[in-house]
Protein backbone atom coordinates (compact mmCIF):
# COMPACT_ATOMS: atom_id res chain seq x y z
CA MET A 1 0.12 -0.16 -0.02
CA PRO A 2 1.38 3.51 -0.92
CA LEU A 3 2.38 5.60 2.03
CA PRO A 4 0.08 8.32 1.28
CA VAL A 5 -2.92 5.65 1.26
CA LEU A 6 -1.42 3.98 4.30
CA PHE A 7 -1.61 7.48 6.37
CA ASP A 8 -5.04 8.37 5.08
CA VAL A 9 -6.29 4.39 6.46
CA LEU A 10 -4.23 5.05 9.71
CA ALA A 11 -4.75 8.84 10.74
CA PRO A 12 -8.62 8.50 11.29
CA LYS A 13 -8.11 5.44 13.49
CA VAL A 14 -5.51 7.03 15.57
CA ARG A 15 -7.94 9.93 16.11
CA LEU A 16 -10.77 7.74 17.24
CA PHE A 17 -8.17 6.15 19.90
CA ASN A 18 -6.79 9.49 20.79
CA ASP A 19 -10.76 10.68 21.42
CA PHE A 20 -11.22 7.20 23.30
CA MET A 21 -8.23 7.80 25.46
CA GLU A 22 -9.49 11.27 26.28
CA LEU A 23 -12.72 9.95 27.44
CA ASN A 24 -11.58 7.07 29.40
CA ALA A 25 -8.14 7.62 30.53
CA GLU A 26 -9.02 6.34 34.19
CA HIS A 27 -9.54 2.67 32.88
CA PHE A 28 -6.01 2.41 31.62
CA ALA A 29 -4.14 3.68 34.72
CA ASP A 30 -2.70 0.40 35.70
CA MET A 31 -1.22 0.19 32.05
CA ARG A 32 1.79 1.46 30.36
CA MET A 33 2.30 2.83 26.79
CA TRP A 34 5.75 2.34 25.11
CA HIS A 35 6.68 2.45 21.46
CA PHE A 36 9.04 1.21 18.91
CA GLU A 37 10.75 3.07 16.07
CA ARG A 38 12.28 0.86 13.64
CA GLU A 39 15.34 3.28 13.08
CA ALA A 40 16.25 3.12 17.01
CA LEU A 41 16.13 -0.68 17.27
CA LEU A 42 15.05 -0.32 21.03
CA PRO A 43 11.72 0.30 22.64
CA SER A 44 11.06 3.62 24.45
CA GLY A 45 10.77 3.62 28.15
CA ASP A 46 7.28 3.02 29.56
CA TYR A 47 5.08 5.87 29.74
CA MET A 48 1.39 6.88 31.08
CA PRO A 49 -1.28 6.00 28.81
CA GLY A 50 -2.62 8.90 26.65
CA PRO A 51 -3.24 9.94 23.07
CA ILE A 52 -0.79 8.99 20.38
CA PRO A 53 1.28 12.01 19.57
CA SER A 54 0.97 12.88 15.81
CA GLU A 55 4.62 12.65 15.07
CA ARG A 56 4.38 9.08 16.32
CA VAL A 57 1.71 8.37 13.26
CA LYS A 58 4.53 7.14 10.67
CA VAL A 59 5.87 4.15 8.82
CA GLY A 60 7.99 2.20 11.37
CA VAL A 61 6.64 3.13 14.62
CA PHE A 62 4.68 0.99 16.58
CA VAL A 63 2.91 1.95 19.82
CA PHE A 64 2.03 -0.32 22.16
CA LEU A 65 -0.40 -0.18 25.15
CA GLY A 66 -0.54 -2.82 27.76
CA LYS A 67 1.20 -4.60 30.82
CA ARG A 68 4.61 -6.23 30.58
CA GLN A 69 5.45 -9.49 31.75
CA PRO A 70 9.01 -10.57 33.32
CA LEU A 71 11.18 -11.94 30.75
CA ASP A 72 11.80 -15.32 32.56
CA ARG A 73 8.27 -16.32 33.01
CA ILE A 74 4.45 -15.46 32.25
CA ASP A 75 2.05 -14.72 34.80
CA TYR A 76 -1.04 -16.64 33.46
CA GLU A 77 -3.00 -15.57 36.50
CA ALA A 78 -2.52 -11.93 36.22
CA ILE A 79 -3.38 -12.11 32.25
CA LEU A 80 -6.45 -14.18 32.98
CA ASP A 81 -7.55 -11.58 35.83
CA ASP A 82 -6.97 -8.64 33.48
CA LEU A 83 -9.11 -10.30 30.64
CA ASP A 84 -12.01 -11.01 33.22
CA LEU A 85 -11.75 -7.05 34.37
CA ALA A 86 -11.89 -6.08 30.59
CA ILE A 87 -14.97 -8.14 29.82
CA TYR A 88 -16.59 -7.20 33.10
CA ARG A 89 -16.15 -3.33 31.77
CA SER A 90 -17.31 -4.06 28.42
CA ARG A 91 -20.39 -5.62 29.59
CA ARG A 92 -21.23 -3.35 32.23
CA GLU A 93 -20.89 -0.30 30.16
CA GLN A 94 -22.21 -1.96 27.39
CA LYS A 95 -19.19 -1.01 24.87
CA PRO A 96 -17.48 -3.35 22.50
CA LEU A 97 -14.03 -5.05 23.57
CA SER A 98 -10.90 -5.33 21.36
CA ILE A 99 -8.02 -7.91 22.11
CA SER A 100 -5.03 -8.09 20.37
CA LEU A 101 -2.06 -10.57 20.77
CA VAL A 102 1.26 -9.44 19.25
CA ASP A 103 4.32 -12.00 17.95
CA MET A 104 6.98 -9.84 16.83
CA ASP A 105 9.22 -11.46 14.21
CA ASN A 106 12.88 -10.66 13.83
CA LEU A 107 13.56 -10.23 17.71
CA LYS A 108 16.68 -12.36 17.25
CA GLU A 109 18.30 -9.57 15.08
CA ILE A 110 17.39 -7.02 18.29
CA ASN A 111 18.77 -9.67 20.80
CA VAL A 112 22.08 -10.08 18.74
CA ARG A 113 22.58 -6.21 18.18
CA SER A 114 21.51 -4.83 21.60
CA GLY A 115 21.47 -7.62 23.91
CA ARG A 116 18.71 -10.15 25.28
CA ALA A 117 17.22 -7.55 27.87
CA ALA A 118 16.52 -5.22 24.74
CA GLY A 119 14.66 -7.86 22.84
CA GLY A 120 12.56 -8.59 25.79
CA ARG A 121 11.46 -4.97 26.15
């Protein structure tokens, strides 16, 4: 997809996300956001959830909202508790719920260049 078309598709979705975050920020207080820029090869530090700034809406920048798990284990109970809470809120407020699972490829390249801890972030 050509870049102008991609931006035309992405920009309205980011505006919807930003509007939603402005109205519902309190529901995300226990989460963090971070972003990854392809050129930097390292993720940013964590920051409080909020609207995505316009300078981050570009090709090669990925913005994440969620909770991080320790590198050495997965806390399935915490994941299921968070999912239960999200489903409860969605039903109580009669709002749709979306869940995304991300499996990033090419993390080996980041681990080789910057160390395993960087790839885990």
